[in-house]
């Protein structure tokens, strides 16, 4: 089995950090939690096998994640993923609220872009 210290200080950490930079996250602000799911090391509680890692366990790190603030002060953006035609109901549009708010009773008109 590969030593955990080589994971924390080696190419895995560098690869993950490079990816986080590409998707505009700062690797310094995101905890890197090495785990062994085979040995269940560092998943639920800190493991003595992972003394090279100074951080928290995976469960503790997940508990620290806060939900991002939704941009509710911006205009409504509702990208559609699919439109289904259901015989007994009618047309059902499926998407997600990207920005803004959608409330019951709102009348929304969909249009094409471009």
Protein backbone atom coordinates (compact mmCIF):
# COMPACT_ATOMS: atom_id res chain seq x y z
CA UNK A 1 0.00 0.00 0.00
CA UNK A 2 1.28 3.46 -0.86
CA UNK A 3 2.36 5.58 2.09
CA UNK A 4 -0.10 8.29 3.02
CA UNK A 5 2.65 10.91 3.32
CA UNK A 6 3.43 10.45 -0.38
CA UNK A 7 -0.23 11.09 -1.20
CA UNK A 8 -0.34 14.32 0.82
CA UNK A 9 2.98 15.60 -0.54
CA UNK A 10 2.99 14.01 -3.98
CA UNK A 11 1.39 14.03 -7.38
CA UNK A 12 -2.17 13.37 -6.14
CA UNK A 13 -2.23 16.61 -4.18
CA UNK A 14 -0.63 18.51 -7.06
CA UNK A 15 -3.17 17.11 -9.55
CA UNK A 16 -6.15 17.97 -7.37
CA UNK A 17 -4.76 21.47 -6.71
CA UNK A 18 -4.31 22.05 -10.45
CA UNK A 19 -7.89 20.97 -11.11
CA UNK A 20 -9.25 23.20 -8.34
CA UNK A 21 -7.42 26.18 -9.84
CA UNK A 22 -8.92 25.42 -13.27
CA UNK A 23 -12.46 25.52 -11.87
CA UNK A 24 -11.65 28.76 -10.01
CA UNK A 25 -11.35 27.44 -6.45
CA UNK A 26 -8.41 28.18 -4.20
CA UNK A 27 -6.73 24.95 -3.03
CA UNK A 28 -5.66 26.81 0.14
CA UNK A 29 -9.30 27.30 1.13
CA UNK A 30 -10.42 23.71 0.52
CA UNK A 31 -9.30 20.97 2.91
CA UNK A 32 -7.44 18.07 1.32
CA UNK A 33 -8.47 14.96 3.27
CA UNK A 34 -6.55 11.78 2.45
CA UNK A 35 -8.61 8.68 3.25
CA UNK A 36 -8.41 4.94 2.92
CA UNK A 37 -11.87 3.54 2.27
CA UNK A 38 -10.44 0.02 2.39
CA UNK A 39 -9.11 0.53 5.93
CA UNK A 40 -11.75 3.18 6.79
CA UNK A 41 -8.89 5.49 7.80
CA UNK A 42 -9.75 9.14 8.28
CA UNK A 43 -13.31 8.81 7.03
CA UNK A 44 -15.38 9.07 10.21
CA UNK A 45 -12.71 9.84 12.78
CA UNK A 46 -9.01 10.71 12.67
CA UNK A 47 -6.70 7.78 12.09
CA UNK A 48 -3.26 7.23 13.58
CA UNK A 49 -2.22 5.88 10.17
CA UNK A 50 -2.62 9.39 8.76
CA UNK A 51 -0.40 11.40 11.09
CA UNK A 52 1.08 13.12 8.04
CA UNK A 53 -2.28 14.84 7.50
CA UNK A 54 -2.82 17.72 9.91
CA UNK A 55 -6.45 18.29 8.98
CA UNK A 56 -9.77 16.82 9.94
CA UNK A 57 -11.48 13.57 9.02
CA UNK A 58 -13.68 13.40 5.93
CA UNK A 59 -16.87 13.62 7.98
CA UNK A 60 -15.59 16.67 9.88
CA UNK A 61 -14.54 18.36 6.62
CA UNK A 62 -17.99 17.73 5.08
CA UNK A 63 -19.67 19.19 8.17
CA UNK A 64 -17.64 22.40 7.72
CA UNK A 65 -18.90 23.03 4.17
CA UNK A 66 -21.39 25.86 4.07
CA UNK A 67 -24.03 26.23 1.40
CA UNK A 68 -23.13 28.88 -1.18
CA UNK A 69 -25.18 32.08 -1.15
CA UNK A 70 -27.78 31.97 -3.90
CA UNK A 71 -27.93 35.11 -6.08
CA UNK A 72 -31.58 35.90 -5.29
CA UNK A 73 -31.10 39.64 -5.89
CA UNK A 74 -30.48 39.12 -9.63
CA UNK A 75 -33.06 38.64 -12.41
CA UNK A 76 -34.63 35.20 -12.79
CA UNK A 77 -32.60 32.81 -14.94
CA UNK A 78 -34.23 29.42 -15.41
CA UNK A 79 -32.24 27.26 -17.86
CA UNK A 80 -34.42 24.47 -19.23
CA UNK A 81 -33.01 20.97 -19.42
CA UNK A 82 -35.95 19.11 -20.95
CA UNK A 83 -39.51 19.68 -22.09
CA UNK A 84 -41.86 16.73 -21.73
CA UNK A 85 -45.29 16.33 -23.29
CA UNK A 86 -47.42 14.26 -20.94
CA UNK A 87 -50.86 13.36 -22.26
CA UNK A 88 -52.88 13.71 -19.06
CA UNK A 89 -51.01 16.81 -17.78
CA UNK A 90 -49.73 18.76 -20.77
CA UNK A 91 -46.29 20.25 -21.33
CA UNK A 92 -43.87 19.99 -18.41
CA UNK A 93 -40.69 22.07 -18.45
CA UNK A 94 -37.76 20.87 -16.35
CA UNK A 95 -34.84 23.05 -15.32
CA UNK A 96 -33.22 24.76 -12.37
CA UNK A 97 -33.26 28.26 -10.95
CA UNK A 98 -29.84 29.72 -11.73
CA UNK A 99 -30.44 33.19 -10.28
CA UNK A 100 -33.39 35.07 -8.86
CA UNK A 101 -36.48 33.64 -7.21
CA UNK A 102 -39.47 31.73 -8.47
CA UNK A 103 -42.62 31.77 -6.36
CA UNK A 104 -45.96 29.98 -6.59
CA UNK A 105 -48.41 31.81 -8.85
CA UNK A 106 -45.75 33.58 -10.93
CA UNK A 107 -46.47 33.82 -14.65
CA UNK A 108 -43.32 33.06 -16.62
CA UNK A 109 -42.88 33.37 -20.36
CA UNK A 110 -40.15 31.29 -22.02
CA UNK A 111 -38.37 32.38 -25.14
CA UNK A 112 -35.39 31.45 -27.27
CA UNK A 113 -32.04 33.15 -27.00
CA UNK A 114 -30.42 34.75 -30.01
